[in-house]
Amino acid sequence: MVPVKDLELQYPLALLLFLLIPVILYAKQRYQHTTAFSGIFLIRKGLQPGAVTRYGGDLLAAMFLALSVLAVANLQYSSYWQRTYLESKWIMIVQDMSGSMNRSGYGEGGLTLSDIAITGARSFAQMRDKDDLIGIIGFSSYAKLVCPPTFDKEILRKKLAMLGRESDSIVFRELAVGGATNASYAAWLALCVFFMLLPEENQLSFQEMNDLRYSLLGTTLRNVPIPDKLRKVAFGHGMAIVLFTDGRIEANKSDEDVQKGLPNFVNVVHLINRLGVRLYLISVSGEVNDEVESIFDDHGEGGRVGRIFYMPYRFDQDKIREVYTNINEMEKNRLLTRLSERKRDTRWMCTLGALCFLLLYCFSQVLPRFKTL
């Protein structure tokens, strides 16, 4: 049974047509009285028409007119149903491109650490569902958005190829000369990309974004402030950052880092954790700041932030594929259900009913048997 609150008239003023129904029936009665049944009082009572003949036609005509008015007004009601769909993920692949990534000795053909890492990232992108939005960020001394989030796996393949030494692309040359490993800047940029994908009412202004970044500088904070616009966003529903690096993950909280505008990486991870975004660190050197490790081990607000994968100094393509396969399983697309509401029209039902009463009325006027009832 449909609740009354879910009923709605598309054209409520059409109900004024109900006022014409008595007028039409009265005019019909007057017409019949002056033609078919004039002087009927002179006929013996037993020969007068029955109640069905006298009132049935008017009743059928009234039903036809009433349903016609309802068809014009179009009474609508809400219909609810559940629809299942596969969850779509937003994933940022954050790749270390510093000079140390170009050291060789990772297999036949003189493969470098960067070659192995890009091969793993490429295989990870191919594992993902076709409806996942995947973007790429490269970083060394600074971070650069190489590929905005896209559904196109071919674009991702070409953009990842630009990070390889064989491409000798401008992006590769710019980032490969950087000696530092600025993971905090890269993770912050990945978050900013997610912010830009939000609905307009939840997007931060330039000033709000700058204030949030400034709050992450310097001293490590336990409770990182979250802007009101971001509090109601379900970041935990399918957003993840996968960060590969061979550099040391440090806090970046010295005065020099503050002057450079570098966010404290611990604060960035705290923010990621509080928002509900998943962070996966693939660390080749194994040198991760204790404060960062404690966040991954902590079951505090927002749950676990993700996982750190410690890689040996020497590893091969099979090992990195295994790591990315684990991340793919941890970020598996869930089958979700959505309750949908849709307005249903009653116009077609009222129109069909009106046509049925019209046909019955016509038959009542032409069939002789009806006149004897």
Protein backbone atom coordinates (compact mmCIF):
# COMPACT_ATOMS: atom_id res chain seq x y z
CA MET A 1 0.00 0.00 0.00
CA VAL A 2 1.44 3.38 -1.04
CA PRO A 3 1.66 5.93 1.83
CA VAL A 4 -0.45 9.06 1.44
CA LYS A 5 2.64 11.25 1.60
CA ASP A 6 3.87 9.62 -1.61
CA LEU A 7 0.76 10.62 -3.59
CA GLU A 8 1.01 13.70 -5.77
CA LEU A 9 -1.09 15.30 -8.51
CA GLN A 10 0.83 16.46 -11.55
CA TYR A 11 -1.92 18.92 -12.61
CA PRO A 12 -4.06 19.60 -9.50
CA LEU A 13 -6.07 22.39 -11.16
CA ALA A 14 -7.53 19.76 -13.51
CA LEU A 15 -9.69 18.59 -10.56
CA LEU A 16 -11.86 21.66 -11.17
CA LEU A 17 -13.26 19.73 -14.13
CA PHE A 18 -15.17 17.59 -11.61
CA LEU A 19 -17.53 20.57 -11.23
CA LEU A 20 -18.64 20.08 -14.84
CA ILE A 21 -19.75 16.46 -14.32
CA PRO A 22 -23.06 17.31 -12.54
CA VAL A 23 -23.77 19.93 -15.21
CA ILE A 24 -23.21 17.41 -18.03
CA LEU A 25 -25.37 14.75 -16.34
CA TYR A 26 -28.14 17.26 -15.69
CA ALA A 27 -28.10 18.38 -19.33
CA LYS A 28 -28.21 14.71 -20.42
CA GLN A 29 -31.23 14.04 -18.18
CA ARG A 30 -33.03 17.10 -19.54
CA TYR A 31 -32.36 15.99 -23.11
CA GLN A 32 -33.64 12.45 -22.47
CA HIS A 33 -36.71 13.71 -20.59
CA THR A 34 -37.79 15.92 -23.49
CA THR A 35 -37.22 13.19 -26.13
CA ALA A 36 -37.23 9.50 -25.29
CA PHE A 37 -39.37 9.55 -22.15
CA SER A 38 -41.66 12.59 -22.63
CA GLY A 39 -45.16 11.83 -21.38
CA ILE A 40 -44.07 8.61 -19.73
CA PHE A 41 -46.39 9.30 -16.83
CA LEU A 42 -49.32 8.41 -19.20
CA ILE A 43 -47.95 4.86 -19.60
CA ARG A 44 -48.91 2.12 -17.17
CA LYS A 45 -46.31 1.73 -14.41
CA GLY A 46 -45.47 -1.86 -15.42
CA LEU A 47 -44.35 -0.68 -18.88
CA GLN A 48 -42.00 2.01 -17.59
CA PRO A 49 -38.20 1.37 -17.98
CA GLY A 50 -36.37 -0.34 -15.08
CA ALA A 51 -33.84 1.19 -12.72
CA VAL A 52 -30.86 -0.09 -14.74
CA THR A 53 -32.14 1.59 -17.90
CA ARG A 54 -33.00 4.80 -16.10
CA TYR A 55 -29.84 5.19 -13.98
CA GLY A 56 -27.26 2.78 -15.44
CA GLY A 57 -26.37 5.03 -18.36
CA ASP A 58 -25.88 8.02 -16.07
CA LEU A 59 -23.69 5.98 -13.74
CA LEU A 60 -21.51 4.75 -16.63
CA ALA A 61 -21.27 8.28 -18.01
CA ALA A 62 -20.31 9.64 -14.57
CA MET A 63 -17.56 7.02 -14.18
CA PHE A 64 -16.26 7.80 -17.67
CA LEU A 65 -16.10 11.52 -16.93
CA ALA A 66 -14.54 11.06 -13.46
CA LEU A 67 -11.78 8.79 -14.76
CA SER A 68 -11.14 11.18 -17.65
CA VAL A 69 -10.60 14.03 -15.18
CA LEU A 70 -8.22 11.87 -13.09
CA ALA A 71 -6.32 10.96 -16.26
CA VAL A 72 -5.83 14.67 -17.01
CA ALA A 73 -4.81 15.46 -13.39
CA ASN A 74 -2.46 12.41 -13.43
CA LEU A 75 -2.26 11.12 -9.87
CA GLN A 76 1.35 9.98 -9.24
CA TYR A 77 2.80 7.69 -6.57
CA SER A 78 6.31 6.67 -5.55
CA SER A 79 7.67 3.27 -6.45
CA TYR A 80 10.70 1.87 -4.63
CA TRP A 81 13.03 -0.92 -5.67
CA GLN A 82 16.52 -2.15 -4.91
CA ARG A 83 19.21 -2.11 -7.58
CA THR A 84 22.51 -3.93 -7.20
CA TYR A 85 25.67 -2.52 -8.76
CA LEU A 86 29.42 -3.00 -8.51
CA GLU A 87 31.26 -0.39 -6.45
CA SER A 88 33.42 2.03 -8.42
CA LYS A 89 36.81 2.90 -6.88
CA TRP A 90 38.88 6.08 -7.05
CA ILE A 91 42.54 5.06 -6.96
CA MET A 92 45.69 7.16 -7.27
CA ILE A 93 48.93 5.38 -8.21
CA VAL A 94 51.75 7.47 -6.71
CA GLN A 95 55.13 6.51 -8.18
CA ASP A 96 58.57 7.49 -6.87
CA MET A 97 60.68 8.82 -9.79
CA SER A 98 63.75 10.03 -7.91
CA GLY A 99 67.23 9.32 -9.24
CA SER A 100 67.80 6.34 -6.92
CA MET A 101 64.94 4.51 -8.69
CA ASN A 102 67.14 4.18 -11.78
CA ARG A 103 69.63 1.79 -10.23
CA SER A 104 69.90 -1.42 -12.24
CA GLY A 105 70.36 -5.06 -11.32
CA TYR A 106 66.72 -6.14 -11.11
CA GLY A 107 66.71 -8.91 -13.69
CA GLU A 108 67.86 -9.69 -17.18
CA GLY A 109 68.28 -6.83 -19.64
CA GLY A 110 69.54 -4.43 -17.01
CA LEU A 111 66.11 -3.67 -15.56
CA THR A 112 66.01 -0.85 -13.04
CA LEU A 113 63.95 -0.51 -9.89
CA SER A 114 61.78 2.00 -11.76
CA ASP A 115 61.16 -0.54 -14.56
CA ILE A 116 60.00 -3.16 -12.07
CA ALA A 117 57.79 -0.67 -10.22
CA ILE A 118 56.11 0.57 -13.40
CA THR A 119 55.53 -3.01 -14.56
CA GLY A 120 53.76 -3.72 -11.28
CA ALA A 121 51.67 -0.53 -11.52
CA ARG A 122 50.70 -1.43 -15.09
CA SER A 123 49.57 -4.91 -14.05
CA PHE A 124 47.61 -3.40 -11.13
CA ALA A 125 45.76 -1.01 -13.47
CA GLN A 126 44.81 -3.95 -15.69
CA MET A 127 43.46 -5.88 -12.70
CA ARG A 128 41.02 -3.14 -11.78
CA ASP A 129 37.39 -3.03 -12.83
CA LYS A 130 36.49 -1.06 -15.95
CA ASP A 131 34.44 1.43 -13.90
CA ASP A 132 37.31 2.34 -11.57
CA LEU A 133 38.76 5.84 -11.87
CA ILE A 134 42.57 5.55 -11.77
CA GLY A 135 45.07 8.41 -11.83
CA ILE A 136 48.87 8.62 -11.75
CA ILE A 137 51.21 10.92 -9.81
CA GLY A 138 55.00 10.94 -10.20
CA PHE A 139 57.26 12.49 -7.58
CA SER A 140 60.83 13.07 -6.51
CA SER A 141 61.76 16.47 -5.05
CA TYR A 142 58.25 17.60 -6.00
CA ALA A 143 55.06 15.85 -7.14
CA LYS A 144 53.40 16.08 -10.55
CA LEU A 145 49.98 14.89 -11.73
CA VAL A 146 50.89 12.74 -14.72
CA CYS A 147 47.40 11.41 -15.48
CA PRO A 148 44.12 12.67 -14.01
CA PRO A 149 41.75 9.88 -12.93
CA THR A 150 40.39 8.08 -15.98
CA PHE A 151 38.45 4.93 -16.94
CA ASP A 152 40.57 4.41 -20.07
CA LYS A 153 43.14 1.65 -19.50
CA GLU A 154 44.94 2.52 -22.74
CA ILE A 155 45.55 6.09 -21.55
CA LEU A 156 46.88 4.72 -18.26
CA ARG A 157 49.24 2.39 -20.11
CA LYS A 158 50.64 5.23 -22.21
CA LYS A 159 51.02 7.56 -19.22
CA LEU A 160 52.83 4.88 -17.20
CA ALA A 161 55.14 4.32 -20.17
CA MET A 162 56.07 8.01 -19.99
CA LEU A 163 57.55 7.36 -16.54
CA GLY A 164 59.95 4.76 -17.93
CA ARG A 165 63.52 5.58 -18.89
CA GLU A 166 63.04 4.16 -22.38
CA SER A 167 60.45 6.84 -23.19
CA ASP A 168 62.89 9.64 -22.34
CA SER A 169 59.82 11.85 -21.90
CA ILE A 170 59.86 15.36 -20.48
CA VAL A 171 58.11 14.07 -17.35
CA PHE A 172 60.79 11.41 -16.84
CA ARG A 173 63.64 13.89 -17.32
CA GLU A 174 62.08 16.44 -14.95
CA LEU A 175 61.45 14.01 -12.12
CA ALA A 176 64.47 11.71 -12.52
CA VAL A 177 66.94 14.52 -11.79
CA GLY A 178 65.34 15.07 -8.36
CA GLY A 179 67.41 13.62 -5.58
CA ALA A 180 64.90 13.91 -2.73
CA THR A 181 61.85 11.73 -2.06
CA ASN A 182 58.99 14.03 -1.19
CA ALA A 183 56.32 11.46 -0.30
CA SER A 184 54.31 13.88 1.83
CA TYR A 185 53.86 16.30 -1.09
CA ALA A 186 52.82 13.38 -3.34
CA ALA A 187 50.28 12.00 -0.85
CA TRP A 188 48.85 15.51 -0.34
CA LEU A 189 48.52 15.99 -4.11
CA ALA A 190 46.69 12.65 -4.38
CA LEU A 191 44.21 13.84 -1.73
CA CYS A 192 43.74 17.12 -3.61
CA VAL A 193 42.81 15.15 -6.74
CA PHE A 194 40.08 13.38 -4.76
CA PHE A 195 38.86 16.75 -3.45
CA MET A 196 38.49 18.00 -7.03
CA LEU A 197 36.31 15.01 -7.95
CA LEU A 198 33.77 15.76 -5.22
CA PRO A 199 30.37 17.34 -5.93
CA GLU A 200 30.53 21.11 -6.22
CA GLU A 201 28.89 21.71 -2.83
CA ASN A 202 31.66 19.68 -1.12
CA GLN A 203 34.62 21.15 -3.01
CA LEU A 204 37.02 23.36 -1.08
CA SER A 205 37.83 26.84 -2.29
CA PHE A 206 41.45 27.80 -3.00
CA GLN A 207 41.69 29.57 0.36
CA GLU A 208 40.18 26.61 2.24
CA MET A 209 42.56 24.22 0.50
CA ASN A 210 45.53 26.43 1.32
CA ASP A 211 44.45 26.72 4.97
CA LEU A 212 44.13 22.94 5.22
CA ARG A 213 47.60 22.44 3.74
CA TYR A 214 49.06 25.05 6.09
CA SER A 215 47.53 23.24 9.09
CA LEU A 216 49.51 20.11 8.13
CA LEU A 217 52.90 21.86 8.35
CA GLY A 218 55.31 21.59 11.25
CA THR A 219 54.47 19.82 14.51
CA THR A 220 52.79 16.43 14.42
CA LEU A 221 49.09 16.69 15.29
CA ARG A 222 46.98 13.97 16.82
CA ASN A 223 43.68 15.43 15.70
CA VAL A 224 44.03 16.95 12.27
CA PRO A 225 41.25 19.49 11.62
CA ILE A 226 38.77 18.55 8.86
CA PRO A 227 36.80 21.29 7.04
CA ASP A 228 33.02 21.10 7.45
CA LYS A 229 32.53 20.55 3.70
CA LEU A 230 34.46 17.28 3.91
CA ARG A 231 32.85 15.82 7.04
CA LYS A 232 29.80 14.41 5.23
CA VAL A 233 31.74 12.95 2.31
CA ALA A 234 31.98 9.15 2.30
CA PHE A 235 35.67 8.96 1.40
CA GLY A 236 35.89 5.44 2.77
CA HIS A 237 33.55 4.17 0.06
CA GLY A 238 36.16 3.27 -2.53
CA MET A 239 39.05 5.77 -2.36
CA ALA A 240 42.64 4.56 -2.11
CA ILE A 241 46.22 5.79 -2.62
CA VAL A 242 48.99 3.36 -3.62
CA LEU A 243 52.42 4.92 -3.00
CA PHE A 244 55.64 3.23 -4.16
CA THR A 245 58.98 4.58 -2.93
CA ASP A 246 62.55 3.53 -2.21
CA GLY A 247 63.23 6.55 -0.04
CA ARG A 248 62.94 7.03 3.67
CA ILE A 249 59.46 8.03 4.85
CA GLU A 250 60.05 10.89 7.26
CA ALA A 251 57.81 13.27 9.15
CA ASN A 252 59.03 16.50 7.46
CA LYS A 253 58.51 18.74 10.46
CA SER A 254 61.76 20.71 10.63
CA ASP A 255 61.83 24.49 10.27
CA GLU A 256 63.40 24.06 6.84
CA ASP A 257 60.54 21.81 5.72
CA VAL A 258 58.02 24.35 7.02
CA GLN A 259 59.71 27.14 5.08
CA LYS A 260 59.51 25.02 1.93
CA GLY A 261 55.80 24.46 2.57
CA LEU A 262 56.22 20.67 2.88
CA PRO A 263 53.39 19.03 4.86
CA ASN A 264 54.30 16.83 7.78
CA PHE A 265 53.84 13.34 6.32
CA VAL A 266 52.49 12.05 9.63
CA ASN A 267 49.83 14.76 9.58
CA VAL A 268 48.94 13.86 5.98
CA VAL A 269 48.51 10.21 6.95
CA HIS A 270 46.42 11.25 9.97
CA LEU A 271 44.18 13.27 7.63
CA ILE A 272 43.93 10.34 5.22
CA ASN A 273 43.00 8.08 8.13
CA ARG A 274 40.35 10.43 9.53
CA LEU A 275 38.77 10.90 6.11
CA GLY A 276 38.59 7.14 5.60
CA VAL A 277 40.81 6.97 2.50
CA ARG A 278 42.96 3.83 2.29
CA LEU A 279 46.73 4.28 1.94
CA TYR A 280 49.07 1.50 0.78
CA LEU A 281 52.81 2.15 1.14
CA ILE A 282 55.25 -0.02 -0.82
CA SER A 283 58.61 0.72 0.79
CA VAL A 284 61.72 -0.80 -0.79
CA SER A 285 64.22 0.43 1.76
CA GLY A 286 62.03 -0.41 4.72
CA GLU A 287 62.89 2.91 6.36
CA VAL A 288 59.53 4.19 7.58
CA ASN A 289 59.22 6.74 10.38
CA ASP A 290 57.99 5.22 13.66
CA GLU A 291 55.16 7.77 13.88
CA VAL A 292 53.92 6.71 10.45
CA GLU A 293 54.11 3.01 11.35
CA SER A 294 52.10 3.61 14.52
CA ILE A 295 49.20 5.05 12.48
CA PHE A 296 49.02 1.91 10.36
CA ASP A 297 49.06 -0.26 13.48
CA ASP A 298 46.51 1.87 15.33
CA HIS A 299 42.77 1.02 15.30
CA GLY A 300 41.75 4.55 16.15
CA GLU A 301 39.24 6.88 14.54
CA GLY A 302 38.56 5.92 10.94
CA GLY A 303 39.93 2.38 11.41
CA ARG A 304 43.15 1.19 9.83
CA VAL A 305 44.52 3.55 7.24
CA GLY A 306 45.80 0.72 5.04
CA ARG A 307 49.00 -1.32 5.00
CA ILE A 308 52.77 -1.00 4.57
CA PHE A 309 54.47 -3.52 2.26
CA TYR A 310 58.16 -3.83 3.09
CA MET A 311 60.11 -4.94 0.03
CA PRO A 312 63.64 -6.40 0.07
CA TYR A 313 66.40 -4.40 -1.57
CA ARG A 314 66.45 -6.95 -4.40
CA PHE A 315 63.19 -8.28 -5.81
CA ASP A 316 61.78 -9.29 -9.18
CA GLN A 317 58.68 -8.72 -11.28
CA ASP A 318 56.83 -11.67 -9.74
CA LYS A 319 57.28 -10.24 -6.27
CA ILE A 320 55.94 -6.79 -7.15
CA ARG A 321 52.98 -8.36 -8.99
CA GLU A 322 52.24 -10.34 -5.85
CA VAL A 323 52.15 -7.14 -3.80
CA TYR A 324 49.84 -5.39 -6.27
CA THR A 325 47.63 -8.49 -6.39
CA ASN A 326 47.27 -8.28 -2.60
CA ILE A 327 46.33 -4.60 -2.85
CA ASN A 328 43.85 -5.43 -5.59
CA GLU A 329 42.22 -8.04 -3.31
CA MET A 330 42.12 -5.61 -0.39
CA GLU A 331 40.42 -3.02 -2.61
CA LYS A 332 38.01 -5.49 -4.19
CA ASN A 333 34.91 -3.92 -5.75
CA ARG A 334 31.99 -4.73 -3.48
CA LEU A 335 28.49 -5.54 -4.71
CA LEU A 336 26.33 -2.73 -3.34
CA THR A 337 22.58 -2.16 -3.26
CA ARG A 338 20.84 1.14 -3.82
CA LEU A 339 17.24 1.96 -2.92
CA SER A 340 15.78 3.94 -5.81
CA GLU A 341 12.58 5.97 -5.96
CA ARG A 342 10.62 6.69 -9.09
CA LYS A 343 7.38 8.54 -9.69
CA ARG A 344 4.71 6.33 -11.29
CA ASP A 345 1.80 7.72 -13.32
CA THR A 346 -1.79 6.52 -12.98
CA ARG A 347 -2.80 8.29 -16.22
CA TRP A 348 -2.70 5.16 -18.34
CA MET A 349 -4.82 3.21 -15.81
CA CYS A 350 -7.41 5.98 -15.60
CA THR A 351 -7.49 6.32 -19.39
CA LEU A 352 -8.00 2.56 -19.83
CA GLY A 353 -10.74 2.58 -17.20
CA ALA A 354 -12.45 5.57 -18.86
CA LEU A 355 -12.40 3.79 -22.25
CA CYS A 356 -13.96 0.67 -20.69
CA PHE A 357 -16.82 2.70 -19.16
CA LEU A 358 -17.30 4.52 -22.47
CA LEU A 359 -17.64 1.21 -24.31
CA LEU A 360 -20.12 -0.07 -21.69
CA TYR A 361 -22.12 3.12 -22.06
CA CYS A 362 -22.26 2.73 -25.84
CA PHE A 363 -23.36 -0.89 -25.56
CA SER A 364 -26.06 0.10 -23.05
CA GLN A 365 -27.52 2.53 -25.55
CA VAL A 366 -27.64 0.15 -28.52
CA LEU A 367 -28.42 -3.25 -26.99
CA PRO A 368 -32.21 -3.93 -26.82
CA ARG A 369 -31.84 -6.27 -23.83
CA PHE A 370 -30.40 -3.43 -21.71
CA LYS A 371 -33.59 -1.39 -22.24
CA THR A 372 -35.76 -4.11 -20.66
CA LEU A 373 -33.81 -4.12 -17.38
